[in-house]
């Protein structure tokens, strides 16, 4: 069973950037599809981005063109590069592999 640990969240001003990391142990990420989700206060958890084991990527319309998902096989880590951040991107961000979730990392976009 894969264990996932997210990091890299924080407070950033609108228009700024953050890079989230999802470090895995127990399994090799390159053999799995990996997804990022987020949950804002009072809202349901939503899918943000996905990276298939074959390399294809997908993004929610709300983040397309601003977020990029990638993987470093040597580090067994998946990243979510977030640029041009908006206040509505404020949420707890989670990575997921199959039914395995990390604990989440808080992203707050505010001036």
PDB file of N, CA and C in Angstrom:
ATOM      1  N   UNK A   1       0.837  -1.177   0.000  1.00  0.00           N
ATOM      2  CA  UNK A   1       0.000   0.000   0.000  1.00  0.00           C
ATOM      3  C   UNK A   1       0.883   1.242   0.000  1.00  0.00           C
ATOM      4  N   UNK A   2       0.515   2.188  -0.823  1.00  0.00           N
ATOM      5  CA  UNK A   2       1.320   3.389  -0.953  1.00  0.00           C
ATOM      6  C   UNK A   2       0.941   4.393   0.123  1.00  0.00           C
ATOM      7  N   UNK A   3       1.952   5.030   0.710  1.00  0.00           N
ATOM      8  CA  UNK A   3       1.736   6.134   1.646  1.00  0.00           C
ATOM      9  C   UNK A   3       2.151   7.437   0.958  1.00  0.00           C
ATOM     10  N   UNK A   4       1.342   8.461   1.148  1.00  0.00           N
ATOM     11  CA  UNK A   4       1.548   9.735   0.454  1.00  0.00           C
ATOM     12  C   UNK A   4       1.662  10.867   1.462  1.00  0.00           C
ATOM     13  N   UNK A   5       2.624  11.756   1.239  1.00  0.00           N
ATOM     14  CA  UNK A   5       2.810  12.916   2.110  1.00  0.00           C
ATOM     15  C   UNK A   5       2.955  14.158   1.244  1.00  0.00           C
ATOM     16  N   UNK A   6       2.003  15.078   1.395  1.00  0.00           N
ATOM     17  CA  UNK A   6       2.049  16.332   0.654  1.00  0.00           C
ATOM     18  C   UNK A   6       2.827  17.386   1.438  1.00  0.00           C
ATOM     19  N   UNK A   7       3.411  18.319   0.717  1.00  0.00           N
ATOM     20  CA  UNK A   7       4.091  19.456   1.323  1.00  0.00           C
ATOM     21  C   UNK A   7       4.136  20.582   0.304  1.00  0.00           C
ATOM     22  N   UNK A   8       4.546  21.755   0.776  1.00  0.00           N
ATOM     23  CA  UNK A   8       4.733  22.879  -0.125  1.00  0.00           C
ATOM     24  C   UNK A   8       3.643  23.936  -0.077  1.00  0.00           C
ATOM     25  N   UNK A   9       2.608  23.686   0.700  1.00  0.00           N
ATOM     26  CA  UNK A   9       1.559  24.681   0.816  1.00  0.00           C
ATOM     27  C   UNK A   9       2.012  25.889   1.608  1.00  0.00           C
ATOM     28  N   UNK A  10       1.155  26.910   1.621  1.00  0.00           N
ATOM     29  CA  UNK A  10       1.483  28.116   2.365  1.00  0.00           C
ATOM     30  C   UNK A  10       0.592  29.262   1.971  1.00  0.00           C
ATOM     31  N   UNK A  11       0.994  30.447   2.395  1.00  0.00           N
ATOM     32  CA  UNK A  11       0.268  31.681   2.091  1.00  0.00           C
ATOM     33  C   UNK A  11       0.982  32.388   0.951  1.00  0.00           C
ATOM     34  N   UNK A  12       0.237  32.753  -0.066  1.00  0.00           N
ATOM     35  CA  UNK A  12       0.810  33.436  -1.221  1.00  0.00           C
ATOM     36  C   UNK A  12      -0.153  34.521  -1.688  1.00  0.00           C
ATOM     37  N   UNK A  13       0.386  35.580  -2.257  1.00  0.00           N
ATOM     38  CA  UNK A  13      -0.454  36.663  -2.764  1.00  0.00           C
ATOM     39  C   UNK A  13      -1.057  36.283  -4.109  1.00  0.00           C
ATOM     40  N   UNK A  14      -2.183  36.864  -4.453  1.00  0.00           N
ATOM     41  CA  UNK A  14      -2.747  36.619  -5.792  1.00  0.00           C
ATOM     42  C   UNK A  14      -1.717  36.907  -6.877  1.00  0.00           C
ATOM     43  N   UNK A  15      -1.687  36.037  -7.855  1.00  0.00           N
ATOM     44  CA  UNK A  15      -0.700  36.144  -8.923  1.00  0.00           C
ATOM     45  C   UNK A  15       0.589  35.406  -8.647  1.00  0.00           C
ATOM     46  N   UNK A  16       0.751  34.943  -7.426  1.00  0.00           N
ATOM     47  CA  UNK A  16       1.973  34.232  -7.058  1.00  0.00           C
ATOM     48  C   UNK A  16       1.965  32.776  -7.456  1.00  0.00           C
ATOM     49  N   UNK A  17       3.022  32.076  -7.038  1.00  0.00           N
ATOM     50  CA  UNK A  17       3.210  30.679  -7.414  1.00  0.00           C
ATOM     51  C   UNK A  17       3.581  29.840  -6.195  1.00  0.00           C
ATOM     52  N   UNK A  18       3.215  28.581  -6.267  1.00  0.00           N
ATOM     53  CA  UNK A  18       3.634  27.585  -5.282  1.00  0.00           C
ATOM     54  C   UNK A  18       3.863  26.274  -6.019  1.00  0.00           C
ATOM     55  N   UNK A  19       4.737  25.458  -5.462  1.00  0.00           N
ATOM     56  CA  UNK A  19       4.905  24.097  -5.971  1.00  0.00           C
ATOM     57  C   UNK A  19       4.623  23.113  -4.843  1.00  0.00           C
ATOM     58  N   UNK A  20       3.605  22.306  -5.040  1.00  0.00           N
ATOM     59  CA  UNK A  20       3.271  21.268  -4.073  1.00  0.00           C
ATOM     60  C   UNK A  20       3.997  19.976  -4.428  1.00  0.00           C
ATOM     61  N   UNK A  21       4.365  19.241  -3.397  1.00  0.00           N
ATOM     62  CA  UNK A  21       5.011  17.945  -3.585  1.00  0.00           C
ATOM     63  C   UNK A  21       4.172  16.857  -2.949  1.00  0.00           C
ATOM     64  N   UNK A  22       4.218  15.697  -3.544  1.00  0.00           N
ATOM     65  CA  UNK A  22       3.548  14.509  -2.999  1.00  0.00           C
ATOM     66  C   UNK A  22       4.583  13.386  -3.036  1.00  0.00           C
ATOM     67  N   UNK A  23       5.156  13.105  -1.877  1.00  0.00           N
ATOM     68  CA  UNK A  23       6.190  12.069  -1.784  1.00  0.00           C
ATOM     69  C   UNK A  23       5.552  10.739  -1.414  1.00  0.00           C
ATOM     70  N   UNK A  24       5.955   9.705  -2.106  1.00  0.00           N
ATOM     71  CA  UNK A  24       5.352   8.389  -1.901  1.00  0.00           C
ATOM     72  C   UNK A  24       6.353   7.417  -1.300  1.00  0.00           C
ATOM     73  N   UNK A  25       5.825   6.489  -0.522  1.00  0.00           N
ATOM     74  CA  UNK A  25       6.602   5.370  -0.014  1.00  0.00           C
ATOM     75  C   UNK A  25       5.723   4.131  -0.055  1.00  0.00           C
ATOM     76  N   UNK A  26       6.362   2.995  -0.127  1.00  0.00           N
ATOM     77  CA  UNK A  26       5.614   1.749  -0.157  1.00  0.00           C
ATOM     78  C   UNK A  26       5.312   1.246  -1.551  1.00  0.00           C
ATOM     79  N   UNK A  27       5.342   2.121  -2.530  1.00  0.00           N
ATOM     80  CA  UNK A  27       5.123   1.728  -3.918  1.00  0.00           C
ATOM     81  C   UNK A  27       5.840   2.716  -4.829  1.00  0.00           C
ATOM     82  N   UNK A  28       6.005   2.331  -6.070  1.00  0.00           N
ATOM     83  CA  UNK A  28       6.671   3.178  -7.052  1.00  0.00           C
ATOM     84  C   UNK A  28       5.622   3.919  -7.862  1.00  0.00           C
ATOM     85  N   UNK A  29       5.659   5.253  -7.780  1.00  0.00           N
ATOM     86  CA  UNK A  29       4.604   6.067  -8.379  1.00  0.00           C
ATOM     87  C   UNK A  29       4.515   5.923  -9.891  1.00  0.00           C
ATOM     88  N   UNK A  30       5.609   5.622 -10.545  1.00  0.00           N
ATOM     89  CA  UNK A  30       5.594   5.615 -12.002  1.00  0.00           C
ATOM     90  C   UNK A  30       4.678   4.525 -12.556  1.00  0.00           C
ATOM     91  N   UNK A  31       4.248   3.604 -11.713  1.00  0.00           N
ATOM     92  CA  UNK A  31       3.369   2.525 -12.169  1.00  0.00           C
ATOM     93  C   UNK A  31       1.888   2.827 -11.937  1.00  0.00           C
ATOM     94  N   UNK A  32       1.608   4.038 -11.452  1.00  0.00           N
ATOM     95  CA  UNK A  32       0.235   4.382 -11.090  1.00  0.00           C
ATOM     96  C   UNK A  32      -0.200   5.689 -11.743  1.00  0.00           C
ATOM     97  N   UNK A  33      -1.508   5.838 -11.872  1.00  0.00           N
ATOM     98  CA  UNK A  33      -2.090   7.145 -12.164  1.00  0.00           C
ATOM     99  C   UNK A  33      -2.123   7.930 -10.856  1.00  0.00           C
ATOM    100  N   UNK A  34      -1.767   9.209 -10.936  1.00  0.00           N
ATOM    101  CA  UNK A  34      -1.731  10.052  -9.737  1.00  0.00           C
ATOM    102  C   UNK A  34      -2.613  11.256  -9.968  1.00  0.00           C
ATOM    103  N   UNK A  35      -3.350  11.637  -8.948  1.00  0.00           N
ATOM    104  CA  UNK A  35      -4.265  12.767  -9.059  1.00  0.00           C
ATOM    105  C   UNK A  35      -4.087  13.731  -7.896  1.00  0.00           C
ATOM    106  N   UNK A  36      -4.317  14.988  -8.196  1.00  0.00           N
ATOM    107  CA  UNK A  36      -4.415  16.024  -7.172  1.00  0.00           C
ATOM    108  C   UNK A  36      -5.886  16.446  -7.067  1.00  0.00           C
ATOM    109  N   UNK A  37      -6.323  16.633  -5.841  1.00  0.00           N
ATOM    110  CA  UNK A  37      -7.659  17.136  -5.543  1.00  0.00           C
ATOM    111  C   UNK A  37      -7.514  18.293  -4.567  1.00  0.00           C
ATOM    112  N   UNK A  38      -8.587  19.034  -4.402  1.00  0.00           N
ATOM    113  CA  UNK A  38      -8.581  20.091  -3.399  1.00  0.00           C
ATOM    114  C   UNK A  38      -9.966  20.232  -2.773  1.00  0.00           C
ATOM    115  N   UNK A  39      -9.972  20.769  -1.572  1.00  0.00           N
ATOM    116  CA  UNK A  39     -11.233  21.003  -0.877  1.00  0.00           C
ATOM    117  C   UNK A  39     -11.173  22.350  -0.193  1.00  0.00           C
ATOM    118  N   UNK A  40     -12.046  23.233  -0.638  1.00  0.00           N
ATOM    119  CA  UNK A  40     -12.159  24.562  -0.034  1.00  0.00           C
ATOM    120  C   UNK A  40     -13.155  24.501   1.116  1.00  0.00           C
ATOM    121  N   UNK A  41     -13.066  25.459   2.048  1.00  0.00           N
ATOM    122  CA  UNK A  41     -13.986  25.456   3.189  1.00  0.00           C
ATOM    123  C   UNK A  41     -15.441  25.476   2.737  1.00  0.00           C
ATOM    124  N   UNK A  42     -16.223  24.560   3.270  1.00  0.00           N
ATOM    125  CA  UNK A  42     -17.634  24.523   2.953  1.00  0.00           C
ATOM    126  C   UNK A  42     -17.989  23.945   1.607  1.00  0.00           C
ATOM    127  N   UNK A  43     -16.992  23.440   0.893  1.00  0.00           N
ATOM    128  CA  UNK A  43     -17.237  22.886  -0.441  1.00  0.00           C
ATOM    129  C   UNK A  43     -16.800  21.430  -0.496  1.00  0.00           C
ATOM    130  N   UNK A  44     -17.310  20.743  -1.503  1.00  0.00           N
ATOM    131  CA  UNK A  44     -16.924  19.354  -1.698  1.00  0.00           C
ATOM    132  C   UNK A  44     -15.516  19.272  -2.290  1.00  0.00           C
ATOM    133  N   UNK A  45     -14.871  18.142  -2.057  1.00  0.00           N
ATOM    134  CA  UNK A  45     -13.557  17.923  -2.637  1.00  0.00           C
ATOM    135  C   UNK A  45     -13.700  17.808  -4.151  1.00  0.00           C
ATOM    136  N   UNK A  46     -12.785  18.439  -4.889  1.00  0.00           N
ATOM    137  CA  UNK A  46     -12.856  18.420  -6.343  1.00  0.00           C
ATOM    138  C   UNK A  46     -11.523  17.988  -6.932  1.00  0.00           C
ATOM    139  N   UNK A  47     -11.620  17.383  -8.090  1.00  0.00           N
ATOM    140  CA  UNK A  47     -10.422  16.958  -8.816  1.00  0.00           C
ATOM    141  C   UNK A  47      -9.772  18.163  -9.468  1.00  0.00           C
ATOM    142  N   UNK A  48      -8.443  18.209  -9.432  1.00  0.00           N
ATOM    143  CA  UNK A  48      -7.696  19.339  -9.971  1.00  0.00           C
ATOM    144  C   UNK A  48      -6.868  18.933 -11.189  1.00  0.00           C
ATOM    145  N   UNK A  49      -6.104  17.845 -11.036  1.00  0.00           N
ATOM    146  CA  UNK A  49      -5.192  17.448 -12.108  1.00  0.00           C
ATOM    147  C   UNK A  49      -4.858  15.975 -11.970  1.00  0.00           C
ATOM    148  N   UNK A  50      -4.484  15.351 -13.088  1.00  0.00           N
ATOM    149  CA  UNK A  50      -4.120  13.956 -13.074  1.00  0.00           C
ATOM    150  C   UNK A  50      -2.961  13.675 -14.005  1.00  0.00           C
ATOM    151  N   UNK A  51      -2.176  12.693 -13.636  1.00  0.00           N
ATOM    152  CA  UNK A  51      -1.032  12.258 -14.442  1.00  0.00           C
ATOM    153  C   UNK A  51      -1.113  10.748 -14.562  1.00  0.00           C
ATOM    154  N   UNK A  52      -1.360  10.282 -15.788  1.00  0.00           N
ATOM    155  CA  UNK A  52      -1.454   8.848 -16.016  1.00  0.00           C
ATOM    156  C   UNK A  52      -0.058   8.236 -16.033  1.00  0.00           C
ATOM    157  N   UNK A  53       0.019   6.941 -15.757  1.00  0.00           N
ATOM    158  CA  UNK A  53       1.330   6.284 -15.716  1.00  0.00           C
ATOM    159  C   UNK A  53       1.995   6.324 -17.075  1.00  0.00           C
ATOM    160  N   UNK A  54       1.204   6.483 -18.131  1.00  0.00           N
ATOM    161  CA  UNK A  54       1.779   6.595 -19.463  1.00  0.00           C
ATOM    162  C   UNK A  54       2.265   7.977 -19.803  1.00  0.00           C
ATOM    163  N   UNK A  55       1.962   8.938 -18.923  1.00  0.00           N
ATOM    164  CA  UNK A  55       2.450  10.287 -19.129  1.00  0.00           C
ATOM    165  C   UNK A  55       1.399  11.308 -19.519  1.00  0.00           C
ATOM    166  N   UNK A  56       0.208  10.858 -19.890  1.00  0.00           N
ATOM    167  CA  UNK A  56      -0.839  11.830 -20.236  1.00  0.00           C
ATOM    168  C   UNK A  56      -1.280  12.603 -19.000  1.00  0.00           C
ATOM    169  N   UNK A  57      -1.604  13.862 -19.208  1.00  0.00           N
ATOM    170  CA  UNK A  57      -2.055  14.716 -18.119  1.00  0.00           C
ATOM    171  C   UNK A  57      -3.445  15.260 -18.415  1.00  0.00           C
ATOM    172  N   UNK A  58      -4.146  15.642 -17.356  1.00  0.00           N
ATOM    173  CA  UNK A  58      -5.453  16.261 -17.487  1.00  0.00           C
ATOM    174  C   UNK A  58      -5.637  17.278 -16.384  1.00  0.00           C
ATOM    175  N   UNK A  59      -6.435  18.307 -16.671  1.00  0.00           N
ATOM    176  CA  UNK A  59      -6.628  19.395 -15.717  1.00  0.00           C
ATOM    177  C   UNK A  59      -8.092  19.813 -15.679  1.00  0.00           C
ATOM    178  N   UNK A  60      -8.522  20.242 -14.504  1.00  0.00           N
ATOM    179  CA  UNK A  60      -9.830  20.859 -14.398  1.00  0.00           C
ATOM    180  C   UNK A  60      -9.808  22.180 -15.163  1.00  0.00           C
ATOM    181  N   UNK A  61     -10.942  22.564 -15.704  1.00  0.00           N
ATOM    182  CA  UNK A  61     -11.004  23.799 -16.489  1.00  0.00           C
ATOM    183  C   UNK A  61     -10.561  25.006 -15.659  1.00  0.00           C
ATOM    184  N   UNK A  62     -10.840  24.966 -14.365  1.00  0.00           N
ATOM    185  CA  UNK A  62     -10.535  26.111 -13.507  1.00  0.00           C
ATOM    186  C   UNK A  62      -9.038  26.350 -13.328  1.00  0.00           C
ATOM    187  N   UNK A  63      -8.217  25.337 -13.619  1.00  0.00           N
ATOM    188  CA  UNK A  63      -6.772  25.493 -13.408  1.00  0.00           C
ATOM    189  C   UNK A  63      -5.975  25.316 -14.693  1.00  0.00           C
ATOM    190  N   UNK A  64      -6.645  24.965 -15.765  1.00  0.00           N
ATOM    191  CA  UNK A  64      -5.953  24.703 -17.029  1.00  0.00           C
ATOM    192  C   UNK A  64      -5.172  25.936 -17.471  1.00  0.00           C
ATOM    193  N   UNK A  65      -3.922  25.715 -17.850  1.00  0.00           N
ATOM    194  CA  UNK A  65      -3.067  26.812 -18.278  1.00  0.00           C
ATOM    195  C   UNK A  65      -2.319  27.482 -17.144  1.00  0.00           C
ATOM    196  N   UNK A  66      -2.684  27.161 -15.902  1.00  0.00           N
ATOM    197  CA  UNK A  66      -2.009  27.760 -14.746  1.00  0.00           C
ATOM    198  C   UNK A  66      -1.270  26.713 -13.903  1.00  0.00           C
ATOM    199  N   UNK A  67      -1.802  25.503 -13.851  1.00  0.00           N
ATOM    200  CA  UNK A  67      -1.213  24.435 -13.036  1.00  0.00           C
ATOM    201  C   UNK A  67      -0.573  23.399 -13.946  1.00  0.00           C
ATOM    202  N   UNK A  68       0.506  22.797 -13.446  1.00  0.00           N
ATOM    203  CA  UNK A  68       1.182  21.734 -14.183  1.00  0.00           C
ATOM    204  C   UNK A  68       1.520  20.594 -13.232  1.00  0.00           C
ATOM    205  N   UNK A  69       1.124  19.393 -13.601  1.00  0.00           N
ATOM    206  CA  UNK A  69       1.449  18.203 -12.812  1.00  0.00           C
ATOM    207  C   UNK A  69       2.633  17.496 -13.466  1.00  0.00           C
ATOM    208  N   UNK A  70       3.549  17.019 -12.622  1.00  0.00           N
ATOM    209  CA  UNK A  70       4.719  16.322 -13.139  1.00  0.00           C
ATOM    210  C   UNK A  70       5.185  15.295 -12.124  1.00  0.00           C
ATOM    211  N   UNK A  71       6.138  14.479 -12.555  1.00  0.00           N
ATOM    212  CA  UNK A  71       6.602  13.389 -11.690  1.00  0.00           C
ATOM    213  C   UNK A  71       8.106  13.271 -11.808  1.00  0.00           C
ATOM    214  N   UNK A  72       8.762  13.023 -10.683  1.00  0.00           N
ATOM    215  CA  UNK A  72      10.188  12.735 -10.645  1.00  0.00           C
ATOM    216  C   UNK A  72      10.331  11.296 -10.177  1.00  0.00           C
ATOM    217  N   UNK A  73      10.604  10.409 -11.110  1.00  0.00           N
ATOM    218  CA  UNK A  73      10.665   8.992 -10.759  1.00  0.00           C
ATOM    219  C   UNK A  73      11.800   8.687  -9.795  1.00  0.00           C
ATOM    220  N   UNK A  74      12.916   9.388  -9.937  1.00  0.00           N
ATOM    221  CA  UNK A  74      14.063   9.130  -9.067  1.00  0.00           C
ATOM    222  C   UNK A  74      13.741   9.460  -7.611  1.00  0.00           C
ATOM    223  N   UNK A  75      12.891  10.461  -7.417  1.00  0.00           N
ATOM    224  CA  UNK A  75      12.516  10.871  -6.065  1.00  0.00           C
ATOM    225  C   UNK A  75      11.187  10.264  -5.631  1.00  0.00           C
ATOM    226  N   UNK A  76      10.546   9.525  -6.544  1.00  0.00           N
ATOM    227  CA  UNK A  76       9.235   8.937  -6.255  1.00  0.00           C
ATOM    228  C   UNK A  76       8.265   9.995  -5.729  1.00  0.00           C
ATOM    229  N   UNK A  77       8.249  11.108  -6.417  1.00  0.00           N
ATOM    230  CA  UNK A  77       7.489  12.286  -5.986  1.00  0.00           C
ATOM    231  C   UNK A  77       6.743  12.875  -7.169  1.00  0.00           C
ATOM    232  N   UNK A  78       5.541  13.343  -6.895  1.00  0.00           N
ATOM    233  CA  UNK A  78       4.730  14.055  -7.887  1.00  0.00           C
ATOM    234  C   UNK A  78       4.596  15.503  -7.442  1.00  0.00           C
ATOM    235  N   UNK A  79       4.603  16.395  -8.400  1.00  0.00           N
ATOM    236  CA  UNK A  79       4.542  17.825  -8.106  1.00  0.00           C
ATOM    237  C   UNK A  79       3.292  18.443  -8.744  1.00  0.00           C
ATOM    238  N   UNK A  80       2.863  19.525  -8.163  1.00  0.00           N
ATOM    239  CA  UNK A  80       1.832  20.359  -8.769  1.00  0.00           C
ATOM    240  C   UNK A  80       2.355  21.790  -8.739  1.00  0.00           C
ATOM    241  N   UNK A  81       2.799  22.261  -9.889  1.00  0.00           N
ATOM    242  CA  UNK A  81       3.250  23.640 -10.016  1.00  0.00           C
ATOM    243  C   UNK A  81       2.037  24.522 -10.245  1.00  0.00           C
ATOM    244  N   UNK A  82       1.853  25.497  -9.388  1.00  0.00           N
ATOM    245  CA  UNK A  82       0.675  26.358  -9.458  1.00  0.00           C
ATOM    246  C   UNK A  82       1.132  27.796  -9.687  1.00  0.00           C
ATOM    247  N   UNK A  83       0.756  28.354 -10.815  1.00  0.00           N
ATOM    248  CA  UNK A  83       1.106  29.729 -11.166  1.00  0.00           C
ATOM    249  C   UNK A  83      -0.150  30.585 -11.261  1.00  0.00           C
ATOM    250  N   UNK A  84       0.043  31.875 -11.257  1.00  0.00           N
ATOM    251  CA  UNK A  84      -1.074  32.831 -11.391  1.00  0.00           C
ATOM    252  C   UNK A  84      -2.195  32.487 -10.416  1.00  0.00           C
ATOM    253  N   UNK A  85      -1.836  32.273  -9.188  1.00  0.00           N
ATOM    254  CA  UNK A  85      -2.815  31.832  -8.195  1.00  0.00           C
ATOM    255  C   UNK A  85      -3.864  32.902  -7.928  1.00  0.00           C
ATOM    256  N   UNK A  86      -5.069  32.423  -7.658  1.00  0.00           N
ATOM    257  CA  UNK A  86      -6.212  33.283  -7.396  1.00  0.00           C
ATOM    258  C   UNK A  86      -6.761  32.966  -6.000  1.00  0.00           C
ATOM    259  N   UNK A  87      -7.479  33.899  -5.410  1.00  0.00           N
ATOM    260  CA  UNK A  87      -8.073  33.621  -4.095  1.00  0.00           C
ATOM    261  C   UNK A  87      -8.955  32.366  -4.108  1.00  0.00           C
ATOM    262  N   UNK A  88      -9.608  32.109  -5.213  1.00  0.00           N
ATOM    263  CA  UNK A  88     -10.477  30.929  -5.296  1.00  0.00           C
ATOM    264  C   UNK A  88      -9.707  29.615  -5.373  1.00  0.00           C
ATOM    265  N   UNK A  89      -8.378  29.683  -5.454  1.00  0.00           N
ATOM    266  CA  UNK A  89      -7.560  28.471  -5.387  1.00  0.00           C
ATOM    267  C   UNK A  89      -7.284  28.064  -3.934  1.00  0.00           C
ATOM    268  N   UNK A  90      -7.703  28.902  -2.996  1.00  0.00           N
ATOM    269  CA  UNK A  90      -7.509  28.586  -1.583  1.00  0.00           C
ATOM    270  C   UNK A  90      -8.238  27.301  -1.224  1.00  0.00           C
ATOM    271  N   UNK A  91      -7.503  26.348  -0.664  1.00  0.00           N
ATOM    272  CA  UNK A  91      -8.067  25.032  -0.346  1.00  0.00           C
ATOM    273  C   UNK A  91      -6.986  24.177   0.304  1.00  0.00           C
ATOM    274  N   UNK A  92      -7.409  23.050   0.825  1.00  0.00           N
ATOM    275  CA  UNK A  92      -6.469  22.002   1.198  1.00  0.00           C
ATOM    276  C   UNK A  92      -6.288  21.112  -0.027  1.00  0.00           C
ATOM    277  N   UNK A  93      -5.044  20.876  -0.397  1.00  0.00           N
ATOM    278  CA  UNK A  93      -4.726  20.090  -1.583  1.00  0.00           C
ATOM    279  C   UNK A  93      -4.251  18.701  -1.163  1.00  0.00           C
ATOM    280  N   UNK A  94      -4.804  17.704  -1.857  1.00  0.00           N
ATOM    281  CA  UNK A  94      -4.514  16.307  -1.555  1.00  0.00           C
ATOM    282  C   UNK A  94      -4.014  15.603  -2.813  1.00  0.00           C
ATOM    283  N   UNK A  95      -3.080  14.680  -2.645  1.00  0.00           N
ATOM    284  CA  UNK A  95      -2.761  13.791  -3.746  1.00  0.00           C
ATOM    285  C   UNK A  95      -3.384  12.424  -3.468  1.00  0.00           C
ATOM    286  N   UNK A  96      -3.655  11.702  -4.541  1.00  0.00           N
ATOM    287  CA  UNK A  96      -4.331  10.408  -4.431  1.00  0.00           C
ATOM    288  C   UNK A  96      -3.759   9.416  -5.437  1.00  0.00           C
ATOM    289  N   UNK A  97      -3.561   8.203  -4.976  1.00  0.00           N
ATOM    290  CA  UNK A  97      -3.214   7.066  -5.825  1.00  0.00           C
ATOM    291  C   UNK A  97      -4.204   5.967  -5.500  1.00  0.00           C
ATOM    292  N   UNK A  98      -5.023   5.640  -6.465  1.00  0.00           N
ATOM    293  CA  UNK A  98      -6.142   4.704  -6.245  1.00  0.00           C
ATOM    294  C   UNK A  98      -6.970   5.201  -5.070  1.00  0.00           C
ATOM    295  N   UNK A  99      -7.099   4.412  -4.009  1.00  0.00           N
ATOM    296  CA  UNK A  99      -7.903   4.846  -2.858  1.00  0.00           C
ATOM    297  C   UNK A  99      -7.039   5.400  -1.740  1.00  0.00           C
ATOM    298  N   UNK A 100      -5.769   5.621  -2.011  1.00  0.00           N
ATOM    299  CA  UNK A 100      -4.846   6.112  -0.997  1.00  0.00           C
ATOM    300  C   UNK A 100      -4.691   7.622  -1.115  1.00  0.00           C
ATOM    301  N   UNK A 101      -4.938   8.301   0.004  1.00  0.00           N
ATOM    302  CA  UNK A 101      -4.871   9.753   0.057  1.00  0.00           C
ATOM    303  C   UNK A 101      -3.772  10.195   1.003  1.00  0.00           C
ATOM    304  N   UNK A 102      -3.174  11.344   0.699  1.00  0.00           N
ATOM    305  CA  UNK A 102      -2.296  11.980   1.659  1.00  0.00           C
ATOM    306  C   UNK A 102      -3.114  12.767   2.664  1.00  0.00           C
ATOM    307  N   UNK A 103      -2.400  13.439   3.579  1.00  0.00           N
ATOM    308  CA  UNK A 103      -3.081  14.178   4.651  1.00  0.00           C
ATOM    309  C   UNK A 103      -3.474  15.581   4.217  1.00  0.00           C
ATOM    310  N   UNK A 104      -2.932  16.032   3.109  1.00  0.00           N
ATOM    311  CA  UNK A 104      -3.273  17.352   2.582  1.00  0.00           C
ATOM    312  C   UNK A 104      -2.300  18.436   3.014  1.00  0.00           C
ATOM    313  N   UNK A 105      -2.258  19.490   2.216  1.00  0.00           N
ATOM    314  CA  UNK A 105      -1.452  20.664   2.522  1.00  0.00           C
ATOM    315  C   UNK A 105      -2.276  21.909   2.198  1.00  0.00           C
ATOM    316  N   UNK A 106      -2.255  22.865   3.103  1.00  0.00           N
ATOM    317  CA  UNK A 106      -3.099  24.059   2.985  1.00  0.00           C
ATOM    318  C   UNK A 106      -2.460  25.074   2.041  1.00  0.00           C
ATOM    319  N   UNK A 107      -3.242  25.555   1.109  1.00  0.00           N
ATOM    320  CA  UNK A 107      -2.849  26.660   0.232  1.00  0.00           C
ATOM    321  C   UNK A 107      -3.816  27.808   0.467  1.00  0.00           C
ATOM    322  N   UNK A 108      -3.267  28.966   0.792  1.00  0.00           N
ATOM    323  CA  UNK A 108      -4.085  30.153   1.009  1.00  0.00           C
ATOM    324  C   UNK A 108      -3.580  31.260   0.093  1.00  0.00           C
ATOM    325  N   UNK A 109      -4.473  31.777  -0.734  1.00  0.00           N
ATOM    326  CA  UNK A 109      -4.131  32.854  -1.659  1.00  0.00           C
ATOM    327  C   UNK A 109      -4.871  34.103  -1.191  1.00  0.00           C
ATOM    328  N   UNK A 110      -4.099  35.051  -0.703  1.00  0.00           N
ATOM    329  CA  UNK A 110      -4.712  36.251  -0.122  1.00  0.00           C
ATOM    330  C   UNK A 110      -3.704  37.378  -0.098  1.00  0.00           C
ATOM    331  N   UNK A 111      -4.223  38.593  -0.241  1.00  0.00           N
ATOM    332  CA  UNK A 111      -3.366  39.763  -0.125  1.00  0.00           C
ATOM    333  C   UNK A 111      -3.379  40.297   1.299  1.00  0.00           C
TER     334      UNK A 111
END
